[in-house]
Amino acid sequence: MKTTIATRVPAGSFFDLGRKDPDLIHLREEGAESALPFVLMERLVKSGTPYAEHARSLRSDNVSVAGVSFDWLDSELPGEIADEINLADYEIIEHTDERREALTRALDRLSLVHPEGFARMREFVRGLLWVGLKSGVRTSSLTSSSDPALPYVIVFSEKARHHIPPNTVSEQPSSLFLAENLLHEGTHQSISFHILQNQVFADGYSSQTSPKIEIAWRAAQGVARNQFWEIDRAFHATCVYNQLLRFRQTELNRDDLTPNERASLQSAYDEGLPAVRYLMRELELLRQHFSPHGAELLADLRHQTDQL
């Protein structure tokens, strides 16, 4: 079966952080590898802001699992970067032994139980930003996020240890929930890569003028942006749901879950399955907005959805 989204970064492509490029070479020679994704950000955003230079102020701790190293970014998040990726209300939280253990356990679970998911993380994630709301900010915290403008970096909060989107919340933290949210964002990064490297949508498609798909399960949020999704946003979500529902299936077939983990994952699976089926139908009704390649991806998504 074909894969719906990219699983590898081709050598020499725009996203290859090891390619021969003066800016990338300079950072590698100076041992500033954690700033490499921000070079790509400069070229994608095209604002003239030297994001890579700002990123050099970030320290990083190395988190290694199954021979794969991730940069757990530390220190103060530069305002120029925070503003661009909608993190102005957030700060990087203190690195502690307890948080390192939680992060390592989540990544280890992916490597041992979900090797395909971990391979996606290995390929499309380098930087980890564990954030929290700044003091005095009164808003609901994000669970996890990633931005197509910043490849290879994913963002998550303490909430990622309690919340399985869209609506499952546990009072007890779990490394399984964190593992799912890390995979969630790693999958988004791979989808963004695929869309930027391939023509998925028809000529002239624009998010600004896209038909909208009503998202009934977001109605309670009271924000129109979350209640009606553009085609590209719905495509992202359908790809992600397919990945996460398989994650939940695999976990639910194991015998090492706590009762709370099992109940939470079952609830999330039961809620996610009709959601992905609904999104799949809506996207198929709007297939004229996809390129021939995009239509092939939709057909493969349909095949995957029917297997759930």
C-alpha atoms as a PDB file:
ATOM      1  CA  MET A   1       0.000   0.000   0.000  1.00  0.00           C
ATOM      2  CA  LYS A   2       1.256   3.457  -0.842  1.00  0.00           C
ATOM      3  CA  THR A   3       1.944   5.834   1.973  1.00  0.00           C
ATOM      4  CA  THR A   4      -0.308   8.879   2.089  1.00  0.00           C
ATOM      5  CA  ILE A   5       2.376  11.271   3.209  1.00  0.00           C
ATOM      6  CA  ALA A   6       6.123  11.537   2.903  1.00  0.00           C
ATOM      7  CA  THR A   7       8.280   9.276   5.045  1.00  0.00           C
ATOM      8  CA  ARG A   8      11.729  10.483   3.949  1.00  0.00           C
ATOM      9  CA  VAL A   9      13.518  13.763   3.263  1.00  0.00           C
ATOM     10  CA  PRO A  10      15.317  13.360  -0.093  1.00  0.00           C
ATOM     11  CA  ALA A  11      19.037  14.114  -0.005  1.00  0.00           C
ATOM     12  CA  GLY A  12      19.806  17.492  -1.506  1.00  0.00           C
ATOM     13  CA  SER A  13      16.222  18.746  -1.232  1.00  0.00           C
ATOM     14  CA  PHE A  14      15.273  22.064   0.350  1.00  0.00           C
ATOM     15  CA  PHE A  15      14.550  20.287   3.652  1.00  0.00           C
ATOM     16  CA  ASP A  16      17.840  18.380   3.795  1.00  0.00           C
ATOM     17  CA  LEU A  17      19.663  19.989   6.731  1.00  0.00           C
ATOM     18  CA  GLY A  18      22.897  18.244   5.730  1.00  0.00           C
ATOM     19  CA  ARG A  19      23.073  19.600   2.197  1.00  0.00           C
ATOM     20  CA  LYS A  20      25.782  21.872   0.848  1.00  0.00           C
ATOM     21  CA  ASP A  21      24.358  25.288   1.557  1.00  0.00           C
ATOM     22  CA  PRO A  22      26.521  28.178   2.856  1.00  0.00           C
ATOM     23  CA  ASP A  23      24.232  29.084   5.768  1.00  0.00           C
ATOM     24  CA  LEU A  24      23.704  25.483   6.814  1.00  0.00           C
ATOM     25  CA  ILE A  25      27.395  24.683   6.484  1.00  0.00           C
ATOM     26  CA  HIS A  26      28.310  27.709   8.617  1.00  0.00           C
ATOM     27  CA  LEU A  27      26.034  26.621  11.462  1.00  0.00           C
ATOM     28  CA  ARG A  28      27.207  23.017  11.296  1.00  0.00           C
ATOM     29  CA  GLU A  29      30.861  24.101  11.415  1.00  0.00           C
ATOM     30  CA  GLU A  30      30.171  26.232  14.496  1.00  0.00           C
ATOM     31  CA  GLY A  31      28.359  23.433  16.284  1.00  0.00           C
ATOM     32  CA  ALA A  32      25.015  25.290  16.156  1.00  0.00           C
ATOM     33  CA  GLU A  33      23.025  22.423  14.666  1.00  0.00           C
ATOM     34  CA  SER A  34      19.943  23.233  16.754  1.00  0.00           C
ATOM     35  CA  ALA A  35      19.600  26.493  14.771  1.00  0.00           C
ATOM     36  CA  LEU A  36      19.538  24.727  11.379  1.00  0.00           C
ATOM     37  CA  PRO A  37      15.723  24.557  11.038  1.00  0.00           C
ATOM     38  CA  PHE A  38      15.554  28.316  11.468  1.00  0.00           C
ATOM     39  CA  VAL A  39      17.531  28.800   8.239  1.00  0.00           C
ATOM     40  CA  LEU A  40      14.665  27.095   6.447  1.00  0.00           C
ATOM     41  CA  MET A  41      12.252  29.326   8.351  1.00  0.00           C
ATOM     42  CA  GLU A  42      14.027  32.431   6.996  1.00  0.00           C
ATOM     43  CA  ARG A  43      13.542  31.204   3.455  1.00  0.00           C
ATOM     44  CA  LEU A  44       9.938  30.127   3.885  1.00  0.00           C
ATOM     45  CA  VAL A  45       8.750  33.277   5.665  1.00  0.00           C
ATOM     46  CA  LYS A  46      10.797  35.710   3.536  1.00  0.00           C
ATOM     47  CA  SER A  47      10.391  38.518   6.050  1.00  0.00           C
ATOM     48  CA  GLY A  48      14.069  39.415   6.189  1.00  0.00           C
ATOM     49  CA  THR A  49      14.217  38.443   9.869  1.00  0.00           C
ATOM     50  CA  PRO A  50      17.404  36.479  10.693  1.00  0.00           C
ATOM     51  CA  TYR A  51      15.611  33.748  12.625  1.00  0.00           C
ATOM     52  CA  ALA A  52      18.674  31.490  12.654  1.00  0.00           C
ATOM     53  CA  GLU A  53      20.767  34.163  14.371  1.00  0.00           C
ATOM     54  CA  HIS A  54      18.069  34.648  16.994  1.00  0.00           C
ATOM     55  CA  ALA A  55      17.863  30.870  17.445  1.00  0.00           C
ATOM     56  CA  ARG A  56      21.553  30.708  18.326  1.00  0.00           C
ATOM     57  CA  SER A  57      20.677  32.208  21.708  1.00  0.00           C
ATOM     58  CA  LEU A  58      18.738  29.033  22.491  1.00  0.00           C
ATOM     59  CA  ARG A  59      20.539  26.369  24.440  1.00  0.00           C
ATOM     60  CA  SER A  60      19.552  22.760  23.981  1.00  0.00           C
ATOM     61  CA  ASP A  61      19.724  19.524  25.917  1.00  0.00           C
ATOM     62  CA  ASN A  62      20.227  16.365  23.961  1.00  0.00           C
ATOM     63  CA  VAL A  63      17.530  13.710  24.347  1.00  0.00           C
ATOM     64  CA  SER A  64      18.594  10.436  22.750  1.00  0.00           C
ATOM     65  CA  VAL A  65      16.301   7.443  22.250  1.00  0.00           C
ATOM     66  CA  ALA A  66      17.019   4.363  20.132  1.00  0.00           C
ATOM     67  CA  GLY A  67      20.044   6.016  18.583  1.00  0.00           C
ATOM     68  CA  VAL A  68      18.111   9.158  17.565  1.00  0.00           C
ATOM     69  CA  SER A  69      18.964  12.544  19.076  1.00  0.00           C
ATOM     70  CA  PHE A  70      16.533  15.416  19.541  1.00  0.00           C
ATOM     71  CA  ASP A  71      17.338  18.989  20.613  1.00  0.00           C
ATOM     72  CA  TRP A  72      15.263  19.871  23.666  1.00  0.00           C
ATOM     73  CA  LEU A  73      15.451  23.650  23.385  1.00  0.00           C
ATOM     74  CA  ASP A  74      16.036  25.773  26.479  1.00  0.00           C
ATOM     75  CA  SER A  75      16.481  29.388  27.655  1.00  0.00           C
ATOM     76  CA  GLU A  76      14.305  32.339  26.641  1.00  0.00           C
ATOM     77  CA  LEU A  77      12.413  32.050  23.365  1.00  0.00           C
ATOM     78  CA  PRO A  78      13.411  35.038  21.182  1.00  0.00           C
ATOM     79  CA  GLY A  79      10.460  37.334  20.617  1.00  0.00           C
ATOM     80  CA  GLU A  80      11.007  37.463  16.873  1.00  0.00           C
ATOM     81  CA  ILE A  81      10.574  33.699  16.653  1.00  0.00           C
ATOM     82  CA  ALA A  82       7.704  33.565  19.161  1.00  0.00           C
ATOM     83  CA  ASP A  83       5.755  36.200  17.246  1.00  0.00           C
ATOM     84  CA  GLU A  84       6.129  34.386  13.940  1.00  0.00           C
ATOM     85  CA  ILE A  85       4.861  31.017  15.226  1.00  0.00           C
ATOM     86  CA  ASN A  86       2.141  32.386  17.545  1.00  0.00           C
ATOM     87  CA  LEU A  87       3.937  31.710  20.822  1.00  0.00           C
ATOM     88  CA  ALA A  88       4.003  35.271  22.156  1.00  0.00           C
ATOM     89  CA  ASP A  89       1.951  34.183  25.205  1.00  0.00           C
ATOM     90  CA  TYR A  90       4.318  31.296  25.990  1.00  0.00           C
ATOM     91  CA  GLU A  91       7.748  30.707  27.456  1.00  0.00           C
ATOM     92  CA  ILE A  92      10.042  27.706  27.501  1.00  0.00           C
ATOM     93  CA  ILE A  93       9.561  25.973  30.833  1.00  0.00           C
ATOM     94  CA  GLU A  94      12.368  24.822  33.097  1.00  0.00           C
ATOM     95  CA  HIS A  95      14.070  21.571  32.213  1.00  0.00           C
ATOM     96  CA  THR A  96      13.795  19.137  35.093  1.00  0.00           C
ATOM     97  CA  ASP A  97      14.715  15.505  35.630  1.00  0.00           C
ATOM     98  CA  GLU A  98      11.015  14.637  35.899  1.00  0.00           C
ATOM     99  CA  ARG A  99      10.236  16.271  32.550  1.00  0.00           C
ATOM    100  CA  ARG A 100      13.234  14.639  30.910  1.00  0.00           C
ATOM    101  CA  GLU A 101      12.031  11.249  32.148  1.00  0.00           C
ATOM    102  CA  ALA A 102       8.512  11.912  30.828  1.00  0.00           C
ATOM    103  CA  LEU A 103       9.845  12.994  27.449  1.00  0.00           C
ATOM    104  CA  THR A 104      12.235  10.063  27.205  1.00  0.00           C
ATOM    105  CA  ARG A 105       9.547   7.566  28.167  1.00  0.00           C
ATOM    106  CA  ALA A 106       7.185   8.952  25.519  1.00  0.00           C
ATOM    107  CA  LEU A 107       9.806   8.759  22.780  1.00  0.00           C
ATOM    108  CA  ASP A 108      10.875   5.321  23.952  1.00  0.00           C
ATOM    109  CA  ARG A 109       7.271   4.103  23.741  1.00  0.00           C
ATOM    110  CA  LEU A 110       7.103   5.283  20.145  1.00  0.00           C
ATOM    111  CA  SER A 111      10.362   3.548  19.272  1.00  0.00           C
ATOM    112  CA  LEU A 112       9.363   0.229  20.845  1.00  0.00           C
ATOM    113  CA  VAL A 113       5.648  -0.009  20.084  1.00  0.00           C
ATOM    114  CA  HIS A 114       5.149   2.293  17.089  1.00  0.00           C
ATOM    115  CA  PRO A 115       8.314   1.980  14.999  1.00  0.00           C
ATOM    116  CA  GLU A 116       6.738   3.534  11.894  1.00  0.00           C
ATOM    117  CA  GLY A 117       5.626   6.526  13.936  1.00  0.00           C
ATOM    118  CA  PHE A 118       9.053   6.836  15.513  1.00  0.00           C
ATOM    119  CA  ALA A 119      10.635   6.691  12.059  1.00  0.00           C
ATOM    120  CA  ARG A 120       8.473   9.675  11.118  1.00  0.00           C
ATOM    121  CA  MET A 121       9.657  11.526  14.214  1.00  0.00           C
ATOM    122  CA  ARG A 122      13.280  10.678  13.411  1.00  0.00           C
ATOM    123  CA  GLU A 123      12.910  12.007   9.881  1.00  0.00           C
ATOM    124  CA  PHE A 124      10.851  15.161  10.429  1.00  0.00           C
ATOM    125  CA  VAL A 125      11.582  16.352  13.983  1.00  0.00           C
ATOM    126  CA  ARG A 126      14.797  17.808  15.400  1.00  0.00           C
ATOM    127  CA  GLY A 127      13.776  20.459  17.925  1.00  0.00           C
ATOM    128  CA  LEU A 128      11.444  20.050  20.917  1.00  0.00           C
ATOM    129  CA  LEU A 129       9.883  23.095  22.583  1.00  0.00           C
ATOM    130  CA  TRP A 130       8.195  22.349  25.931  1.00  0.00           C
ATOM    131  CA  VAL A 131       6.339  25.560  26.756  1.00  0.00           C
ATOM    132  CA  GLY A 132       3.949  27.031  29.288  1.00  0.00           C
ATOM    133  CA  LEU A 133       1.830  30.151  29.422  1.00  0.00           C
ATOM    134  CA  LYS A 134       3.592  33.266  30.668  1.00  0.00           C
ATOM    135  CA  SER A 135       2.645  34.549  34.087  1.00  0.00           C
ATOM    136  CA  GLY A 136      -0.531  36.606  33.955  1.00  0.00           C
ATOM    137  CA  VAL A 137      -1.727  35.272  30.602  1.00  0.00           C
ATOM    138  CA  ARG A 138      -5.336  34.183  30.898  1.00  0.00           C
ATOM    139  CA  THR A 139      -6.155  31.847  28.068  1.00  0.00           C
ATOM    140  CA  SER A 140      -6.433  28.129  27.517  1.00  0.00           C
ATOM    141  CA  SER A 141      -3.053  26.533  26.915  1.00  0.00           C
ATOM    142  CA  LEU A 142      -2.231  24.732  23.702  1.00  0.00           C
ATOM    143  CA  THR A 143      -1.725  20.974  23.940  1.00  0.00           C
ATOM    144  CA  SER A 144       0.734  20.686  21.074  1.00  0.00           C
ATOM    145  CA  SER A 145       1.379  22.522  17.846  1.00  0.00           C
ATOM    146  CA  SER A 146       3.703  22.884  14.892  1.00  0.00           C
ATOM    147  CA  ASP A 147       3.978  25.532  12.212  1.00  0.00           C
ATOM    148  CA  PRO A 148       4.756  24.913   8.519  1.00  0.00           C
ATOM    149  CA  ALA A 149       6.914  28.049   8.697  1.00  0.00           C
ATOM    150  CA  LEU A 150       9.305  26.257  11.073  1.00  0.00           C
ATOM    151  CA  PRO A 151      10.163  22.765   9.823  1.00  0.00           C
ATOM    152  CA  TYR A 152      11.562  20.142  12.197  1.00  0.00           C
ATOM    153  CA  VAL A 153      10.395  21.872  15.405  1.00  0.00           C
ATOM    154  CA  ILE A 154       7.346  20.834  17.427  1.00  0.00           C
ATOM    155  CA  VAL A 155       5.772  22.532  20.433  1.00  0.00           C
ATOM    156  CA  PHE A 156       3.930  21.004  23.385  1.00  0.00           C
ATOM    157  CA  SER A 157       2.926  21.863  26.932  1.00  0.00           C
ATOM    158  CA  GLU A 158       2.273  19.972  30.153  1.00  0.00           C
ATOM    159  CA  LYS A 159      -1.252  19.573  28.833  1.00  0.00           C
ATOM    160  CA  ALA A 160       0.101  17.053  26.298  1.00  0.00           C
ATOM    161  CA  ARG A 161       0.482  14.568  29.164  1.00  0.00           C
ATOM    162  CA  HIS A 162      -3.242  14.850  29.982  1.00  0.00           C
ATOM    163  CA  HIS A 163      -5.111  15.702  26.789  1.00  0.00           C
ATOM    164  CA  ILE A 164      -5.817  13.553  23.732  1.00  0.00           C
ATOM    165  CA  PRO A 165      -7.376  15.837  21.111  1.00  0.00           C
ATOM    166  CA  PRO A 166     -10.012  16.679  20.437  1.00  0.00           C
ATOM    167  CA  ASN A 167     -11.840  16.203  23.742  1.00  0.00           C
ATOM    168  CA  THR A 168     -10.385  13.454  25.946  1.00  0.00           C
ATOM    169  CA  VAL A 169      -8.868  14.818  29.173  1.00  0.00           C
ATOM    170  CA  SER A 170      -7.314  12.795  31.991  1.00  0.00           C
ATOM    171  CA  GLU A 171      -6.562  14.031  35.482  1.00  0.00           C
ATOM    172  CA  GLN A 172      -3.662  11.576  35.606  1.00  0.00           C
ATOM    173  CA  PRO A 173      -0.651  12.287  33.352  1.00  0.00           C
ATOM    174  CA  SER A 174       0.598   9.583  31.017  1.00  0.00           C
ATOM    175  CA  SER A 175       3.615   9.146  28.788  1.00  0.00           C
ATOM    176  CA  LEU A 176       1.256   7.484  26.294  1.00  0.00           C
ATOM    177  CA  PHE A 177      -0.672  10.715  25.861  1.00  0.00           C
ATOM    178  CA  LEU A 178       2.559  12.669  25.432  1.00  0.00           C
ATOM    179  CA  ALA A 179       3.755  10.073  22.912  1.00  0.00           C
ATOM    180  CA  GLU A 180       0.570  10.513  20.873  1.00  0.00           C
ATOM    181  CA  ASN A 181       0.871  14.290  20.884  1.00  0.00           C
ATOM    182  CA  LEU A 182       4.512  14.138  19.787  1.00  0.00           C
ATOM    183  CA  LEU A 183       3.514  11.814  16.932  1.00  0.00           C
ATOM    184  CA  HIS A 184       0.610  14.148  16.142  1.00  0.00           C
ATOM    185  CA  GLU A 185       2.964  17.064  15.499  1.00  0.00           C
ATOM    186  CA  GLY A 186       5.624  14.984  13.774  1.00  0.00           C
ATOM    187  CA  THR A 187       2.923  13.843  11.364  1.00  0.00           C
ATOM    188  CA  HIS A 188       1.850  17.432  10.730  1.00  0.00           C
ATOM    189  CA  GLN A 189       5.452  18.288   9.898  1.00  0.00           C
ATOM    190  CA  SER A 190       5.660  15.463   7.369  1.00  0.00           C
ATOM    191  CA  ILE A 191       2.389  16.575   5.753  1.00  0.00           C
ATOM    192  CA  SER A 192       3.642  20.157   5.494  1.00  0.00           C
ATOM    193  CA  PHE A 193       6.827  18.841   3.891  1.00  0.00           C
ATOM    194  CA  HIS A 194       4.825  16.810   1.379  1.00  0.00           C
ATOM    195  CA  ILE A 195       2.571  19.731   0.440  1.00  0.00           C
ATOM    196  CA  LEU A 196       5.543  22.068  -0.035  1.00  0.00           C
ATOM    197  CA  GLN A 197       7.455  19.519  -2.116  1.00  0.00           C
ATOM    198  CA  ASN A 198       4.522  18.279  -4.230  1.00  0.00           C
ATOM    199  CA  GLN A 199       1.475  19.815  -5.868  1.00  0.00           C
ATOM    200  CA  VAL A 200      -1.342  18.390  -3.773  1.00  0.00           C
ATOM    201  CA  PHE A 201      -4.011  20.990  -4.599  1.00  0.00           C
ATOM    202  CA  ALA A 202      -5.372  22.168  -7.933  1.00  0.00           C
ATOM    203  CA  ASP A 203      -3.944  25.167  -9.774  1.00  0.00           C
ATOM    204  CA  GLY A 204      -5.220  28.358  -8.198  1.00  0.00           C
ATOM    205  CA  TYR A 205      -6.182  26.771  -4.875  1.00  0.00           C
ATOM    206  CA  SER A 206      -5.920  29.213  -1.964  1.00  0.00           C
ATOM    207  CA  SER A 207      -6.619  28.768   1.743  1.00  0.00           C
ATOM    208  CA  GLN A 208      -8.068  32.266   1.781  1.00  0.00           C
ATOM    209  CA  THR A 209     -10.759  31.426  -0.790  1.00  0.00           C
ATOM    210  CA  SER A 210     -11.169  27.723  -0.027  1.00  0.00           C
ATOM    211  CA  PRO A 211     -14.621  26.252   0.560  1.00  0.00           C
ATOM    212  CA  LYS A 212     -15.113  25.530   4.246  1.00  0.00           C
ATOM    213  CA  ILE A 213     -15.951  22.253   5.929  1.00  0.00           C
ATOM    214  CA  GLU A 214     -18.094  22.534   9.045  1.00  0.00           C
ATOM    215  CA  ILE A 215     -16.510  20.935  12.121  1.00  0.00           C
ATOM    216  CA  ALA A 216     -19.382  20.201  14.464  1.00  0.00           C
ATOM    217  CA  TRP A 217     -17.196  18.885  17.290  1.00  0.00           C
ATOM    218  CA  ARG A 218     -15.494  22.291  17.512  1.00  0.00           C
ATOM    219  CA  ALA A 219     -18.774  24.234  17.829  1.00  0.00           C
ATOM    220  CA  ALA A 220     -18.407  24.640  21.594  1.00  0.00           C
ATOM    221  CA  GLN A 221     -15.132  26.525  21.166  1.00  0.00           C
ATOM    222  CA  GLY A 222     -16.939  29.650  19.980  1.00  0.00           C
ATOM    223  CA  VAL A 223     -14.237  30.613  17.456  1.00  0.00           C
ATOM    224  CA  ALA A 224     -15.350  30.602  13.823  1.00  0.00           C
ATOM    225  CA  ARG A 225     -11.818  29.737  12.671  1.00  0.00           C
ATOM    226  CA  ASN A 226     -12.067  26.427  14.513  1.00  0.00           C
ATOM    227  CA  GLN A 227     -15.636  25.610  13.469  1.00  0.00           C
ATOM    228  CA  PHE A 228     -15.077  25.800   9.705  1.00  0.00           C
ATOM    229  CA  TRP A 229     -11.921  24.369   8.154  1.00  0.00           C
ATOM    230  CA  GLU A 230     -10.300  25.066   4.816  1.00  0.00           C
ATOM    231  CA  ILE A 231      -9.654  22.070   2.538  1.00  0.00           C
ATOM    232  CA  ASP A 232      -5.926  22.006   3.278  1.00  0.00           C
ATOM    233  CA  ARG A 233      -6.562  22.110   7.023  1.00  0.00           C
ATOM    234  CA  ALA A 234      -9.088  19.271   6.733  1.00  0.00           C
ATOM    235  CA  PHE A 235      -6.608  17.290   4.635  1.00  0.00           C
ATOM    236  CA  HIS A 236      -3.964  17.724   7.351  1.00  0.00           C
ATOM    237  CA  ALA A 237      -6.445  16.591   9.993  1.00  0.00           C
ATOM    238  CA  THR A 238      -7.558  13.530   8.028  1.00  0.00           C
ATOM    239  CA  CYS A 239      -3.959  12.389   7.536  1.00  0.00           C
ATOM    240  CA  VAL A 240      -3.213  12.926  11.233  1.00  0.00           C
ATOM    241  CA  TYR A 241      -6.366  11.151  12.423  1.00  0.00           C
ATOM    242  CA  ASN A 242      -5.443   8.122  10.320  1.00  0.00           C
ATOM    243  CA  GLN A 243      -2.043   7.976  12.021  1.00  0.00           C
ATOM    244  CA  LEU A 244      -3.383   8.512  15.532  1.00  0.00           C
ATOM    245  CA  LEU A 245      -6.260   6.075  15.267  1.00  0.00           C
ATOM    246  CA  ARG A 246      -3.749   3.378  14.337  1.00  0.00           C
ATOM    247  CA  PHE A 247      -1.657   4.464  17.335  1.00  0.00           C
ATOM    248  CA  ARG A 248      -4.712   4.062  19.578  1.00  0.00           C
ATOM    249  CA  GLN A 249      -5.622   0.687  18.060  1.00  0.00           C
ATOM    250  CA  THR A 250      -2.123  -0.624  18.723  1.00  0.00           C
ATOM    251  CA  GLU A 251      -2.131   0.579  22.321  1.00  0.00           C
ATOM    252  CA  LEU A 252      -5.608  -0.792  23.021  1.00  0.00           C
ATOM    253  CA  ASN A 253      -4.425  -4.239  21.890  1.00  0.00           C
ATOM    254  CA  ARG A 254      -1.691  -4.255  24.533  1.00  0.00           C
ATOM    255  CA  ASP A 255      -1.971  -5.466  28.123  1.00  0.00           C
ATOM    256  CA  ASP A 256       0.332  -2.971  29.852  1.00  0.00           C
ATOM    257  CA  LEU A 257      -2.035   0.029  29.989  1.00  0.00           C
ATOM    258  CA  THR A 258      -3.421   1.364  33.244  1.00  0.00           C
ATOM    259  CA  PRO A 259      -7.230   1.385  33.529  1.00  0.00           C
ATOM    260  CA  ASN A 260      -7.191   5.161  33.091  1.00  0.00           C
ATOM    261  CA  GLU A 261      -5.007   4.987  29.979  1.00  0.00           C
ATOM    262  CA  ARG A 262      -7.225   2.312  28.450  1.00  0.00           C
ATOM    263  CA  ALA A 263     -10.434   4.222  29.151  1.00  0.00           C
ATOM    264  CA  SER A 264      -8.963   7.474  27.803  1.00  0.00           C
ATOM    265  CA  LEU A 265      -7.586   5.896  24.626  1.00  0.00           C
ATOM    266  CA  GLN A 266     -10.831   4.028  24.005  1.00  0.00           C
ATOM    267  CA  SER A 267     -12.823   7.239  24.391  1.00  0.00           C
ATOM    268  CA  ALA A 268     -10.485   9.060  22.026  1.00  0.00           C
ATOM    269  CA  TYR A 269     -10.678   6.234  19.486  1.00  0.00           C
ATOM    270  CA  ASP A 270     -14.463   6.110  19.626  1.00  0.00           C
ATOM    271  CA  GLU A 271     -14.645   9.863  19.076  1.00  0.00           C
ATOM    272  CA  GLY A 272     -11.946   9.999  16.418  1.00  0.00           C
ATOM    273  CA  LEU A 273     -13.295   7.281  14.126  1.00  0.00           C
ATOM    274  CA  PRO A 274     -16.535   9.033  13.093  1.00  0.00           C
ATOM    275  CA  ALA A 275     -14.601  12.296  12.836  1.00  0.00           C
ATOM    276  CA  VAL A 276     -12.116  10.930  10.295  1.00  0.00           C
ATOM    277  CA  ARG A 277     -14.899   9.247   8.328  1.00  0.00           C
ATOM    278  CA  TYR A 278     -16.792  12.523   8.168  1.00  0.00           C
ATOM    279  CA  LEU A 279     -13.711  14.466   7.034  1.00  0.00           C
ATOM    280  CA  MET A 280     -12.963  11.813   4.430  1.00  0.00           C
ATOM    281  CA  ARG A 281     -16.439  12.110   2.912  1.00  0.00           C
ATOM    282  CA  GLU A 282     -16.290  15.905   2.871  1.00  0.00           C
ATOM    283  CA  LEU A 283     -12.883  15.934   1.165  1.00  0.00           C
ATOM    284  CA  GLU A 284     -14.095  13.503  -1.496  1.00  0.00           C
ATOM    285  CA  LEU A 285     -17.018  15.810  -2.256  1.00  0.00           C
ATOM    286  CA  LEU A 286     -14.451  18.575  -2.872  1.00  0.00           C
ATOM    287  CA  ARG A 287     -11.977  16.489  -4.882  1.00  0.00           C
ATOM    288  CA  GLN A 288     -12.024  19.032  -7.732  1.00  0.00           C
ATOM    289  CA  HIS A 289      -9.810  21.227  -5.556  1.00  0.00           C
ATOM    290  CA  PHE A 290      -7.036  18.588  -5.601  1.00  0.00           C
ATOM    291  CA  SER A 291      -4.389  18.014  -8.255  1.00  0.00           C
ATOM    292  CA  PRO A 292      -4.102  14.574  -9.909  1.00  0.00           C
ATOM    293  CA  HIS A 293      -1.450  13.728  -7.298  1.00  0.00           C
ATOM    294  CA  GLY A 294      -3.762  14.986  -4.558  1.00  0.00           C
ATOM    295  CA  ALA A 295      -6.582  12.822  -5.917  1.00  0.00           C
ATOM    296  CA  GLU A 296      -4.289   9.797  -5.627  1.00  0.00           C
ATOM    297  CA  LEU A 297      -3.561  10.738  -2.027  1.00  0.00           C
ATOM    298  CA  LEU A 298      -7.293  11.006  -1.333  1.00  0.00           C
ATOM    299  CA  ALA A 299      -7.838   7.532  -2.773  1.00  0.00           C
ATOM    300  CA  ASP A 300      -5.119   6.148  -0.531  1.00  0.00           C
ATOM    301  CA  LEU A 301      -6.548   8.001   2.457  1.00  0.00           C
ATOM    302  CA  ARG A 302      -9.910   6.403   1.699  1.00  0.00           C
ATOM    303  CA  HIS A 303      -8.246   2.975   1.690  1.00  0.00           C
ATOM    304  CA  GLN A 304      -6.592   3.678   5.045  1.00  0.00           C
ATOM    305  CA  THR A 305      -9.801   5.026   6.551  1.00  0.00           C
ATOM    306  CA  ASP A 306     -11.743   1.938   5.490  1.00  0.00           C
ATOM    307  CA  GLN A 307      -9.199  -0.237   7.352  1.00  0.00           C
ATOM    308  CA  LEU A 308      -9.837   1.473  10.695  1.00  0.00           C
END
